[in-house]
Amino acid sequence: MARRRCSKPSCQGYAVSTLTYVYADSTAVLGPLATYAEPHCYDLCQMHSERLTAPRGWEIVRITPDPDALKPTSDDLEALANAVREAARPRYVPGGDVDHPPAPHGTVEGTRRGHLRVLTHDSSYDQPSLNEQYPHEDL
């Protein structure tokens, strides 16, 4: 994803915060950089964020994120590690065979790649011809 630039004309700095306005409250809100560029919002670089002033009668609300809130805690990392270990552990059934999870109902066996699935040809299923699908039309 390309980094966004400051919305100020002739500024080539990279955006670090997003400015929005609440006209009903005469408030300018300066917060962390929005995930997506939105209309009627302005992305500002560090220098322009620090120098921001509001018109007379307006209030500026500066929202600063807590840097510790974004970091994973040791409990989160431990839970993730335990989940990975549990998923990787083979399951044994009393007969001594490895228990493989059943395939989802209604799926055709194939290879899954990303969100697309490659299906193998099933000779027991023949697709109806166009004449069978649309008997009243001349094709």
Protein backbone atom coordinates (compact mmCIF):
# COMPACT_ATOMS: atom_id res chain seq x y z
CA MET A 1 0.00 0.00 0.00
CA ALA A 2 1.40 3.40 -0.98
CA ARG A 3 1.95 5.92 1.78
CA ARG A 4 -0.27 8.97 1.57
CA ARG A 5 1.15 12.47 1.35
CA CYS A 6 0.21 15.55 3.36
CA SER A 7 -2.90 17.31 2.03
CA LYS A 8 -1.31 20.76 2.34
CA PRO A 9 -0.39 22.19 -1.06
CA SER A 10 3.31 22.03 -1.91
CA CYS A 11 4.08 19.81 1.11
CA GLN A 12 5.83 16.56 0.18
CA GLY A 13 5.80 15.08 3.71
CA TYR A 14 4.16 11.76 4.50
CA ALA A 15 0.84 11.89 6.33
CA VAL A 16 0.83 10.82 9.99
CA SER A 17 -2.59 12.09 11.12
CA THR A 18 -6.07 12.81 9.77
CA LEU A 19 -8.01 16.03 10.34
CA THR A 20 -11.82 16.06 10.31
CA TYR A 21 -14.34 18.73 11.20
CA VAL A 22 -17.56 18.60 13.23
CA TYR A 23 -19.27 21.73 11.98
CA ALA A 24 -22.25 21.44 14.35
CA ASP A 25 -19.90 21.64 17.36
CA SER A 26 -17.33 23.99 15.78
CA THR A 27 -14.68 21.37 16.47
CA ALA A 28 -11.64 20.22 14.51
CA VAL A 29 -10.60 16.65 15.36
CA LEU A 30 -7.00 15.62 14.75
CA GLY A 31 -6.47 11.90 15.19
CA PRO A 32 -4.30 9.02 14.00
CA LEU A 33 -3.97 8.50 10.26
CA ALA A 34 -7.19 6.99 8.93
CA THR A 35 -6.94 3.57 7.33
CA TYR A 36 -8.40 4.87 4.07
CA ALA A 37 -8.44 8.32 2.51
CA GLU A 38 -11.92 9.75 3.06
CA PRO A 39 -13.59 12.71 1.38
CA HIS A 40 -13.77 15.85 3.55
CA CYS A 41 -10.84 14.62 5.66
CA TYR A 42 -7.32 15.94 5.42
CA ASP A 43 -4.17 13.89 5.92
CA LEU A 44 -1.40 15.92 7.56
CA CYS A 45 2.33 15.39 8.02
CA GLN A 46 3.98 15.66 11.45
CA MET A 47 4.92 19.33 11.03
CA HIS A 48 1.46 20.45 9.90
CA SER A 49 -0.19 18.35 12.63
CA GLU A 50 1.85 20.12 15.31
CA ARG A 51 1.26 23.61 13.85
CA LEU A 52 -2.49 23.18 13.36
CA THR A 53 -4.63 26.10 14.53
CA ALA A 54 -8.41 26.48 14.44
CA PRO A 55 -10.53 29.48 13.52
CA ARG A 56 -11.69 31.79 16.32
CA GLY A 57 -14.50 30.13 18.27
CA TRP A 58 -13.49 26.62 17.23
CA GLU A 59 -11.96 23.96 19.44
CA ILE A 60 -9.26 21.45 18.49
CA VAL A 61 -9.52 17.93 19.86
CA ARG A 62 -6.26 16.00 19.54
CA ILE A 63 -6.65 12.25 19.80
CA THR A 64 -3.38 10.48 20.51
CA PRO A 65 -3.37 6.69 20.44
CA ASP A 66 -1.94 4.77 23.37
CA PRO A 67 1.17 3.07 21.89
CA ASP A 68 0.97 0.24 24.45
CA ALA A 69 -2.61 -0.59 23.45
CA LEU A 70 -1.48 -1.53 19.94
CA LYS A 71 1.22 -3.96 21.10
CA PRO A 72 0.28 -7.57 21.76
CA THR A 73 0.50 -8.61 25.38
CA SER A 74 2.37 -11.66 26.59
CA ASP A 75 -1.01 -13.33 27.24
CA ASP A 76 -2.00 -12.80 23.60
CA LEU A 77 1.27 -14.25 22.34
CA GLU A 78 1.03 -17.23 24.66
CA ALA A 79 -2.56 -17.94 23.61
CA LEU A 80 -1.56 -17.73 19.94
CA ALA A 81 1.38 -20.09 20.45
CA ASN A 82 -0.86 -22.59 22.27
CA ALA A 83 -3.45 -22.44 19.48
CA VAL A 84 -0.78 -23.12 16.84
CA ARG A 85 0.61 -26.05 18.83
CA GLU A 86 -2.88 -27.52 19.28
CA ALA A 87 -3.70 -27.18 15.57
CA ALA A 88 -0.41 -28.83 14.56
CA ARG A 89 -0.81 -31.77 16.95
CA PRO A 90 -2.04 -34.92 15.10
CA ARG A 91 -5.14 -36.57 16.51
CA TYR A 92 -5.06 -40.31 17.09
CA VAL A 93 -8.07 -42.61 17.12
CA PRO A 94 -8.10 -45.86 19.12
CA GLY A 95 -7.36 -47.97 15.99
CA GLY A 96 -3.95 -46.30 15.69
CA ASP A 97 -4.75 -44.26 12.57
CA VAL A 98 -4.40 -40.51 12.39
CA ASP A 99 -7.79 -38.82 12.47
CA HIS A 100 -8.12 -36.31 9.63
CA PRO A 101 -10.86 -33.72 9.93
CA PRO A 102 -13.77 -34.45 7.58
CA ALA A 103 -14.11 -32.42 4.41
CA PRO A 104 -16.86 -29.80 4.50
CA HIS A 105 -20.19 -31.11 3.22
CA GLY A 106 -20.92 -30.38 -0.43
CA THR A 107 -17.36 -29.70 -1.54
CA VAL A 108 -15.52 -31.43 -4.33
CA GLU A 109 -12.05 -32.66 -3.52
CA GLY A 110 -9.44 -30.33 -4.97
CA THR A 111 -6.55 -28.02 -4.16
CA ARG A 112 -7.27 -24.77 -2.34
CA ARG A 113 -5.17 -21.74 -3.24
CA GLY A 114 -6.01 -18.48 -1.53
CA HIS A 115 -9.70 -17.78 -1.91
CA LEU A 116 -9.95 -19.76 -5.14
CA ARG A 117 -10.33 -23.50 -5.37
CA VAL A 118 -9.13 -25.78 -8.17
CA LEU A 119 -11.71 -28.53 -8.68
CA THR A 120 -10.91 -31.93 -10.10
CA HIS A 121 -13.19 -33.27 -12.82
CA ASP A 122 -15.91 -35.55 -11.47
CA SER A 123 -17.02 -37.88 -14.27
CA SER A 124 -20.21 -38.84 -12.39
CA TYR A 125 -21.60 -35.33 -12.92
CA ASP A 126 -22.41 -34.28 -16.45
CA GLN A 127 -23.52 -30.73 -17.04
CA PRO A 128 -26.80 -30.50 -19.01
CA SER A 129 -26.50 -29.20 -22.53
CA LEU A 130 -27.79 -25.75 -23.42
CA ASN A 131 -30.78 -27.30 -25.22
CA GLU A 132 -31.76 -29.15 -22.04
CA GLN A 133 -31.39 -25.99 -19.97
CA TYR A 134 -33.36 -23.78 -22.38
CA PRO A 135 -35.73 -26.12 -24.30
CA HIS A 136 -37.96 -23.33 -25.66
CA GLU A 137 -35.19 -21.30 -27.27
CA ASP A 138 -33.37 -21.93 -30.51
CA LEU A 139 -29.67 -21.77 -29.84
